[in-house]
Amino acid sequence: MASTPPSKTLYVRNLEERVKVDDLKSALTEIFSEYGNIIDIVAKRNLKAKGQAFIVFDSYESAAHAIEEVQGFDLFDKPMVLDFARTPSDATVKSEGTEDDFEAHKRRRLAEKERKQALETQQKLKRPTGADMPSRPAKTVKAGPGPKPAAPGGSAVIPDEYLPPNRILFVQNLPEGYDADALSAIFSRFDGFKEVRLVPGRKGIAFVEYEAENGAISAKEGTAGMTLGDEGKPIKVTYQRQ
């Protein structure tokens, strides 16, 4: 029996720091809402918190599903790095506990924040300056092949082409200027078409949803190798990772 994930909250890092917070939240909502009901998304503007966010789900299962499927997914041309948050979010405590529980949670969080700040200050005071550091003879390091980076999450990733059928298609290599209406005109020709969803901040990709797998299968087969745009570059249509 699978163990329960440690948290309903995901800690997302390696996000593009130049993106506005509202645009970042919108993109994260579009991506992560595929895996469950989102209670809250926390992303802050201060310099120390940039490049990271917290996604709060209403269930452990949704958080586990999302971390498995979205690990390493590119957002604004940077691969996201996901972990379970070590402590429950404010939204989770507020929804599951009493007012006293929530106040105690906030006091613990504030105390932990003050403890970390004090520790950082202490380490800065102990850090030796350039004049204090002893000189050491330079070492000669031989160049050699470095270790190969592991796949995100430490497990093998199934290539897109071998994903099992489901009712949502993932479309890539779309030419610039193709909006939801243009794509709907192509994919609505197949039975059970529901909608086209674009991802804010991500050019050239879209999700196409059907009411049943049969419609998605027909659409995938019917659009295989289809070329769009002036360059005539073929689009890539695969099933969404589940």
C-alpha atoms as a PDB file:
ATOM      1  CA  MET A   1       0.000   0.000   0.000  1.00  0.00           C
ATOM      2  CA  ALA A   2       1.426   3.400  -1.027  1.00  0.00           C
ATOM      3  CA  SER A   3       2.455   5.715   1.795  1.00  0.00           C
ATOM      4  CA  THR A   4       0.577   8.985   2.296  1.00  0.00           C
ATOM      5  CA  PRO A   5       2.412  12.030   0.869  1.00  0.00           C
ATOM      6  CA  PRO A   6       3.775  14.314   3.603  1.00  0.00           C
ATOM      7  CA  SER A   7       1.787  17.347   2.520  1.00  0.00           C
ATOM      8  CA  LYS A   8      -1.086  18.624   0.396  1.00  0.00           C
ATOM      9  CA  THR A   9       1.147  21.554  -0.547  1.00  0.00           C
ATOM     10  CA  LEU A  10       3.782  21.507  -3.286  1.00  0.00           C
ATOM     11  CA  TYR A  11       6.882  23.673  -3.149  1.00  0.00           C
ATOM     12  CA  VAL A  12       7.741  24.813  -6.703  1.00  0.00           C
ATOM     13  CA  ARG A  13      11.120  26.370  -7.457  1.00  0.00           C
ATOM     14  CA  ASN A  14      13.345  27.322 -10.403  1.00  0.00           C
ATOM     15  CA  LEU A  15      10.583  29.599 -11.713  1.00  0.00           C
ATOM     16  CA  GLU A  16      11.334  32.557 -13.967  1.00  0.00           C
ATOM     17  CA  GLU A  17      11.897  35.513 -11.611  1.00  0.00           C
ATOM     18  CA  ARG A  18      11.116  38.203 -14.189  1.00  0.00           C
ATOM     19  CA  VAL A  19       7.506  37.103 -14.659  1.00  0.00           C
ATOM     20  CA  LYS A  20       4.843  39.146 -12.862  1.00  0.00           C
ATOM     21  CA  VAL A  21       3.241  37.400  -9.892  1.00  0.00           C
ATOM     22  CA  ASP A  22      -0.272  37.551 -11.386  1.00  0.00           C
ATOM     23  CA  ASP A  23       0.926  36.037 -14.674  1.00  0.00           C
ATOM     24  CA  LEU A  24       2.836  33.353 -12.779  1.00  0.00           C
ATOM     25  CA  LYS A  25      -0.218  32.421 -10.700  1.00  0.00           C
ATOM     26  CA  SER A  26      -2.366  32.263 -13.829  1.00  0.00           C
ATOM     27  CA  ALA A  27       0.093  29.899 -15.549  1.00  0.00           C
ATOM     28  CA  LEU A  28       0.440  27.685 -12.460  1.00  0.00           C
ATOM     29  CA  THR A  29      -3.339  27.489 -12.094  1.00  0.00           C
ATOM     30  CA  GLU A  30      -3.739  26.395 -15.720  1.00  0.00           C
ATOM     31  CA  ILE A  31      -1.125  23.660 -15.363  1.00  0.00           C
ATOM     32  CA  PHE A  32      -1.868  22.284 -11.879  1.00  0.00           C
ATOM     33  CA  SER A  33      -5.676  22.438 -11.987  1.00  0.00           C
ATOM     34  CA  GLU A  34      -5.474  19.391 -14.275  1.00  0.00           C
ATOM     35  CA  TYR A  35      -4.574  17.277 -11.231  1.00  0.00           C
ATOM     36  CA  GLY A  36      -7.086  18.345  -8.604  1.00  0.00           C
ATOM     37  CA  ASN A  37      -8.838  21.165  -6.792  1.00  0.00           C
ATOM     38  CA  ILE A  38      -6.471  24.008  -5.863  1.00  0.00           C
ATOM     39  CA  ILE A  39      -7.199  25.796  -2.585  1.00  0.00           C
ATOM     40  CA  ASP A  40      -4.487  28.437  -2.833  1.00  0.00           C
ATOM     41  CA  ILE A  41      -1.368  29.494  -4.759  1.00  0.00           C
ATOM     42  CA  VAL A  42       1.230  31.493  -2.842  1.00  0.00           C
ATOM     43  CA  ALA A  43       3.827  33.485  -4.793  1.00  0.00           C
ATOM     44  CA  LYS A  44       5.459  36.618  -3.395  1.00  0.00           C
ATOM     45  CA  ARG A  45       7.084  39.684  -4.916  1.00  0.00           C
ATOM     46  CA  ASN A  46       9.970  40.111  -2.462  1.00  0.00           C
ATOM     47  CA  LEU A  47      13.461  39.373  -3.768  1.00  0.00           C
ATOM     48  CA  LYS A  48      14.150  36.444  -1.439  1.00  0.00           C
ATOM     49  CA  ALA A  49      10.941  34.618  -2.410  1.00  0.00           C
ATOM     50  CA  LYS A  50      11.187  35.166  -6.171  1.00  0.00           C
ATOM     51  CA  GLY A  51      11.471  32.117  -8.360  1.00  0.00           C
ATOM     52  CA  GLN A  52       9.349  29.962  -6.071  1.00  0.00           C
ATOM     53  CA  ALA A  53       5.711  29.299  -5.254  1.00  0.00           C
ATOM     54  CA  PHE A  54       3.462  27.032  -3.192  1.00  0.00           C
ATOM     55  CA  ILE A  55       0.508  25.111  -4.698  1.00  0.00           C
ATOM     56  CA  VAL A  56      -2.080  24.047  -2.100  1.00  0.00           C
ATOM     57  CA  PHE A  57      -4.398  21.161  -3.076  1.00  0.00           C
ATOM     58  CA  ASP A  58      -7.424  19.891  -1.189  1.00  0.00           C
ATOM     59  CA  SER A  59      -6.113  16.290  -1.083  1.00  0.00           C
ATOM     60  CA  TYR A  60      -2.854  14.367  -0.689  1.00  0.00           C
ATOM     61  CA  GLU A  61      -3.668  12.325  -3.803  1.00  0.00           C
ATOM     62  CA  SER A  62      -3.864  15.418  -6.008  1.00  0.00           C
ATOM     63  CA  ALA A  63      -0.530  16.695  -4.700  1.00  0.00           C
ATOM     64  CA  ALA A  64       1.112  13.306  -5.292  1.00  0.00           C
ATOM     65  CA  HIS A  65      -0.309  13.074  -8.822  1.00  0.00           C
ATOM     66  CA  ALA A  66       0.871  16.582  -9.707  1.00  0.00           C
ATOM     67  CA  ILE A  67       4.415  16.130  -8.396  1.00  0.00           C
ATOM     68  CA  GLU A  68       4.753  12.916 -10.382  1.00  0.00           C
ATOM     69  CA  GLU A  69       3.491  14.331 -13.675  1.00  0.00           C
ATOM     70  CA  VAL A  70       4.687  17.966 -13.650  1.00  0.00           C
ATOM     71  CA  GLN A  71       8.222  17.399 -12.313  1.00  0.00           C
ATOM     72  CA  GLY A  72      10.638  18.997 -14.789  1.00  0.00           C
ATOM     73  CA  PHE A  73       7.865  20.543 -16.949  1.00  0.00           C
ATOM     74  CA  ASP A  74       9.065  23.752 -18.637  1.00  0.00           C
ATOM     75  CA  LEU A  75       7.336  26.967 -17.604  1.00  0.00           C
ATOM     76  CA  PHE A  76       8.589  30.192 -19.202  1.00  0.00           C
ATOM     77  CA  ASP A  77      11.471  28.130 -20.662  1.00  0.00           C
ATOM     78  CA  LYS A  78      12.668  26.874 -17.248  1.00  0.00           C
ATOM     79  CA  PRO A  79      12.086  23.344 -15.884  1.00  0.00           C
ATOM     80  CA  MET A  80      10.081  23.411 -12.656  1.00  0.00           C
ATOM     81  CA  VAL A  81      11.485  21.584  -9.614  1.00  0.00           C
ATOM     82  CA  LEU A  82       8.807  20.207  -7.271  1.00  0.00           C
ATOM     83  CA  ASP A  83       8.900  18.934  -3.688  1.00  0.00           C
ATOM     84  CA  PHE A  84       6.306  18.362  -0.999  1.00  0.00           C
ATOM     85  CA  ALA A  85       6.214  21.309   1.416  1.00  0.00           C
ATOM     86  CA  ARG A  86       7.615  20.407   4.838  1.00  0.00           C
ATOM     87  CA  THR A  87       4.873  22.157   6.782  1.00  0.00           C
ATOM     88  CA  PRO A  88       1.126  22.518   6.122  1.00  0.00           C
ATOM     89  CA  SER A  89      -0.002  25.730   4.466  1.00  0.00           C
ATOM     90  CA  ASP A  90      -2.101  28.420   6.147  1.00  0.00           C
ATOM     91  CA  ALA A  91      -5.008  27.509   3.871  1.00  0.00           C
ATOM     92  CA  THR A  92      -4.824  23.828   4.837  1.00  0.00           C
ATOM     93  CA  VAL A  93      -4.696  24.516   8.583  1.00  0.00           C
ATOM     94  CA  LYS A  94      -7.521  27.032   8.334  1.00  0.00           C
ATOM     95  CA  SER A  95      -9.756  24.608   6.405  1.00  0.00           C
ATOM     96  CA  GLU A  96      -9.052  21.541   8.566  1.00  0.00           C
ATOM     97  CA  GLY A  97      -8.562  22.929  12.074  1.00  0.00           C
ATOM     98  CA  THR A  98     -10.097  25.351  14.544  1.00  0.00           C
ATOM     99  CA  GLU A  99      -9.306  29.034  14.983  1.00  0.00           C
ATOM    100  CA  ASP A 100      -7.008  28.135  17.890  1.00  0.00           C
ATOM    101  CA  ASP A 101      -5.176  25.622  15.676  1.00  0.00           C
ATOM    102  CA  PHE A 102      -4.654  28.296  13.057  1.00  0.00           C
ATOM    103  CA  GLU A 103      -3.341  30.848  15.594  1.00  0.00           C
ATOM    104  CA  ALA A 104      -0.924  28.243  17.013  1.00  0.00           C
ATOM    105  CA  HIS A 105       0.229  27.406  13.479  1.00  0.00           C
ATOM    106  CA  LYS A 106       0.955  31.085  12.755  1.00  0.00           C
ATOM    107  CA  ARG A 107       2.922  31.444  16.014  1.00  0.00           C
ATOM    108  CA  ARG A 108       5.046  28.378  15.171  1.00  0.00           C
ATOM    109  CA  ARG A 109       5.659  29.675  11.660  1.00  0.00           C
ATOM    110  CA  LEU A 110       6.703  33.102  12.965  1.00  0.00           C
ATOM    111  CA  ALA A 111       9.005  31.537  15.574  1.00  0.00           C
ATOM    112  CA  GLU A 112      10.636  29.342  12.914  1.00  0.00           C
ATOM    113  CA  LYS A 113      11.142  32.370  10.664  1.00  0.00           C
ATOM    114  CA  GLU A 114      12.791  34.332  13.479  1.00  0.00           C
ATOM    115  CA  ARG A 115      15.001  31.342  14.324  1.00  0.00           C
ATOM    116  CA  LYS A 116      16.230  31.082  10.723  1.00  0.00           C
ATOM    117  CA  GLN A 117      16.897  34.812  10.518  1.00  0.00           C
ATOM    118  CA  ALA A 118      18.918  34.702  13.755  1.00  0.00           C
ATOM    119  CA  LEU A 119      20.910  31.713  12.464  1.00  0.00           C
ATOM    120  CA  GLU A 120      21.674  33.482   9.168  1.00  0.00           C
ATOM    121  CA  THR A 121      22.835  36.588  11.031  1.00  0.00           C
ATOM    122  CA  GLN A 122      25.065  34.480  13.282  1.00  0.00           C
ATOM    123  CA  GLN A 123      26.632  32.704  10.301  1.00  0.00           C
ATOM    124  CA  LYS A 124      27.345  36.023   8.569  1.00  0.00           C
ATOM    125  CA  LEU A 125      29.114  37.322  11.677  1.00  0.00           C
ATOM    126  CA  LYS A 126      31.280  34.183  11.877  1.00  0.00           C
ATOM    127  CA  ARG A 127      32.144  34.150   8.174  1.00  0.00           C
ATOM    128  CA  PRO A 128      35.848  35.066   7.696  1.00  0.00           C
ATOM    129  CA  THR A 129      36.767  37.998   5.472  1.00  0.00           C
ATOM    130  CA  GLY A 130      39.295  37.749   2.638  1.00  0.00           C
ATOM    131  CA  ALA A 131      42.075  39.025   4.906  1.00  0.00           C
ATOM    132  CA  ASP A 132      41.314  36.412   7.573  1.00  0.00           C
ATOM    133  CA  MET A 133      41.272  33.418   5.267  1.00  0.00           C
ATOM    134  CA  PRO A 134      44.525  31.401   5.165  1.00  0.00           C
ATOM    135  CA  SER A 135      46.179  31.065   1.793  1.00  0.00           C
ATOM    136  CA  ARG A 136      46.346  27.597   0.271  1.00  0.00           C
ATOM    137  CA  PRO A 137      48.403  26.273  -2.597  1.00  0.00           C
ATOM    138  CA  ALA A 138      46.454  25.907  -5.795  1.00  0.00           C
ATOM    139  CA  LYS A 139      45.465  22.378  -6.717  1.00  0.00           C
ATOM    140  CA  THR A 140      45.644  20.972 -10.220  1.00  0.00           C
ATOM    141  CA  VAL A 141      42.415  19.298 -11.186  1.00  0.00           C
ATOM    142  CA  LYS A 142      42.320  16.998 -14.179  1.00  0.00           C
ATOM    143  CA  ALA A 143      39.379  17.500 -16.489  1.00  0.00           C
ATOM    144  CA  GLY A 144      37.153  14.525 -17.014  1.00  0.00           C
ATOM    145  CA  PRO A 145      33.610  13.588 -17.888  1.00  0.00           C
ATOM    146  CA  GLY A 146      31.167  14.682 -15.216  1.00  0.00           C
ATOM    147  CA  PRO A 147      28.227  12.656 -13.947  1.00  0.00           C
ATOM    148  CA  LYS A 148      25.178  12.572 -16.157  1.00  0.00           C
ATOM    149  CA  PRO A 149      22.202  14.466 -14.733  1.00  0.00           C
ATOM    150  CA  ALA A 150      19.471  12.228 -13.408  1.00  0.00           C
ATOM    151  CA  ALA A 151      15.960  12.457 -14.717  1.00  0.00           C
ATOM    152  CA  PRO A 152      13.697  14.715 -12.596  1.00  0.00           C
ATOM    153  CA  GLY A 153      12.286  12.770  -9.678  1.00  0.00           C
ATOM    154  CA  GLY A 154      14.948  10.072 -10.032  1.00  0.00           C
ATOM    155  CA  SER A 155      12.862   7.801 -12.276  1.00  0.00           C
ATOM    156  CA  ALA A 156      12.764   7.073 -15.991  1.00  0.00           C
ATOM    157  CA  VAL A 157      10.416   9.257 -18.021  1.00  0.00           C
ATOM    158  CA  ILE A 158       8.214   7.629 -20.661  1.00  0.00           C
ATOM    159  CA  PRO A 159       8.679   9.311 -24.063  1.00  0.00           C
ATOM    160  CA  ASP A 160       5.657  11.296 -25.238  1.00  0.00           C
ATOM    161  CA  GLU A 161       5.147   8.995 -28.224  1.00  0.00           C
ATOM    162  CA  TYR A 162       4.484   5.979 -25.958  1.00  0.00           C
ATOM    163  CA  LEU A 163       2.007   7.526 -23.533  1.00  0.00           C
ATOM    164  CA  PRO A 164      -1.296   5.588 -23.231  1.00  0.00           C
ATOM    165  CA  PRO A 165      -4.439   7.132 -24.779  1.00  0.00           C
ATOM    166  CA  ASN A 166      -6.646   9.466 -22.755  1.00  0.00           C
ATOM    167  CA  ARG A 167      -9.155  12.161 -23.587  1.00  0.00           C
ATOM    168  CA  ILE A 168      -6.697  15.108 -23.478  1.00  0.00           C
ATOM    169  CA  LEU A 169      -4.129  15.806 -26.199  1.00  0.00           C
ATOM    170  CA  PHE A 170      -0.896  17.757 -25.744  1.00  0.00           C
ATOM    171  CA  VAL A 171      -0.060  19.763 -28.890  1.00  0.00           C
ATOM    172  CA  GLN A 172       3.454  21.137 -29.450  1.00  0.00           C
ATOM    173  CA  ASN A 173       5.424  23.050 -32.114  1.00  0.00           C
ATOM    174  CA  LEU A 174       2.529  25.386 -32.864  1.00  0.00           C
ATOM    175  CA  PRO A 175       3.481  28.380 -35.011  1.00  0.00           C
ATOM    176  CA  GLU A 176       3.244  31.823 -33.481  1.00  0.00           C
ATOM    177  CA  GLY A 177      -0.148  33.430 -33.843  1.00  0.00           C
ATOM    178  CA  TYR A 178      -2.259  30.291 -33.571  1.00  0.00           C
ATOM    179  CA  ASP A 179      -4.859  31.073 -30.902  1.00  0.00           C
ATOM    180  CA  ALA A 180      -7.614  28.963 -29.339  1.00  0.00           C
ATOM    181  CA  ASP A 181     -10.093  29.799 -32.122  1.00  0.00           C
ATOM    182  CA  ALA A 182      -7.701  28.713 -34.883  1.00  0.00           C
ATOM    183  CA  LEU A 183      -6.941  25.445 -33.093  1.00  0.00           C
ATOM    184  CA  SER A 184     -10.625  24.836 -32.334  1.00  0.00           C
ATOM    185  CA  ALA A 185     -11.344  25.053 -36.063  1.00  0.00           C
ATOM    186  CA  ILE A 186      -8.922  22.147 -36.601  1.00  0.00           C
ATOM    187  CA  PHE A 187      -9.715  19.896 -33.634  1.00  0.00           C
ATOM    188  CA  SER A 188     -13.490  20.463 -33.460  1.00  0.00           C
ATOM    189  CA  ARG A 189     -13.835  18.318 -36.615  1.00  0.00           C
ATOM    190  CA  PHE A 190     -13.483  15.227 -34.417  1.00  0.00           C
ATOM    191  CA  ASP A 191     -16.288  13.766 -32.307  1.00  0.00           C
ATOM    192  CA  GLY A 192     -16.628  14.822 -28.674  1.00  0.00           C
ATOM    193  CA  PHE A 193     -14.529  18.006 -28.918  1.00  0.00           C
ATOM    194  CA  LYS A 194     -14.818  20.117 -25.731  1.00  0.00           C
ATOM    195  CA  GLU A 195     -12.213  22.882 -25.692  1.00  0.00           C
ATOM    196  CA  VAL A 196      -8.705  24.140 -26.431  1.00  0.00           C
ATOM    197  CA  ARG A 197      -6.613  25.468 -23.529  1.00  0.00           C
ATOM    198  CA  LEU A 198      -3.515  27.589 -24.028  1.00  0.00           C
ATOM    199  CA  VAL A 199      -0.925  27.958 -21.273  1.00  0.00           C
ATOM    200  CA  PRO A 200      -0.097  31.579 -20.323  1.00  0.00           C
ATOM    201  CA  GLY A 201       3.597  32.275 -20.781  1.00  0.00           C
ATOM    202  CA  ARG A 202       4.204  29.200 -22.934  1.00  0.00           C
ATOM    203  CA  LYS A 203       4.288  29.697 -26.674  1.00  0.00           C
ATOM    204  CA  GLY A 204       3.760  26.882 -29.129  1.00  0.00           C
ATOM    205  CA  ILE A 205       1.795  24.464 -26.920  1.00  0.00           C
ATOM    206  CA  ALA A 206      -1.845  23.755 -26.103  1.00  0.00           C
ATOM    207  CA  PHE A 207      -4.109  21.157 -24.522  1.00  0.00           C
ATOM    208  CA  VAL A 208      -7.126  19.852 -26.456  1.00  0.00           C
ATOM    209  CA  GLU A 209      -9.826  18.060 -24.467  1.00  0.00           C
ATOM    210  CA  TYR A 210     -12.466  15.613 -25.712  1.00  0.00           C
ATOM    211  CA  GLU A 211     -15.412  14.015 -23.946  1.00  0.00           C
ATOM    212  CA  ALA A 212     -13.997  10.508 -24.415  1.00  0.00           C
ATOM    213  CA  GLU A 213     -10.795   8.751 -25.442  1.00  0.00           C
ATOM    214  CA  ASN A 214     -12.211   7.777 -28.847  1.00  0.00           C
ATOM    215  CA  GLY A 215     -12.445  11.395 -29.931  1.00  0.00           C
ATOM    216  CA  ALA A 216      -8.885  12.122 -28.777  1.00  0.00           C
ATOM    217  CA  ILE A 217      -7.577   9.014 -30.551  1.00  0.00           C
ATOM    218  CA  SER A 218      -9.267  10.030 -33.820  1.00  0.00           C
ATOM    219  CA  ALA A 219      -7.951  13.589 -33.505  1.00  0.00           C
ATOM    220  CA  LYS A 220      -4.396  12.421 -32.807  1.00  0.00           C
ATOM    221  CA  GLU A 221      -4.436  10.118 -35.823  1.00  0.00           C
ATOM    222  CA  GLY A 222      -6.145  12.723 -38.032  1.00  0.00           C
ATOM    223  CA  THR A 223      -3.647  15.489 -37.245  1.00  0.00           C
ATOM    224  CA  ALA A 224      -0.443  13.397 -37.272  1.00  0.00           C
ATOM    225  CA  GLY A 225       2.198  15.224 -39.301  1.00  0.00           C
ATOM    226  CA  MET A 226      -0.091  18.194 -40.017  1.00  0.00           C
ATOM    227  CA  THR A 227       1.866  21.306 -41.008  1.00  0.00           C
ATOM    228  CA  LEU A 228       0.808  24.804 -39.974  1.00  0.00           C
ATOM    229  CA  GLY A 229       2.107  28.310 -40.568  1.00  0.00           C
ATOM    230  CA  ASP A 230       4.258  29.813 -43.282  1.00  0.00           C
ATOM    231  CA  GLU A 231       7.245  27.606 -42.465  1.00  0.00           C
ATOM    232  CA  GLY A 232       5.213  24.423 -42.901  1.00  0.00           C
ATOM    233  CA  LYS A 233       6.629  22.906 -39.704  1.00  0.00           C
ATOM    234  CA  PRO A 234       4.745  19.770 -38.563  1.00  0.00           C
ATOM    235  CA  ILE A 235       2.996  19.951 -35.205  1.00  0.00           C
ATOM    236  CA  LYS A 236       3.501  17.248 -32.581  1.00  0.00           C
ATOM    237  CA  VAL A 237       0.344  15.737 -31.065  1.00  0.00           C
ATOM    238  CA  THR A 238       0.603  13.322 -28.124  1.00  0.00           C
ATOM    239  CA  TYR A 239      -1.574  12.319 -25.188  1.00  0.00           C
ATOM    240  CA  GLN A 240      -1.310  14.332 -21.990  1.00  0.00           C
ATOM    241  CA  ARG A 241       0.644  12.675 -19.191  1.00  0.00           C
ATOM    242  CA  GLN A 242      -1.705  11.256 -16.540  1.00  0.00           C
END
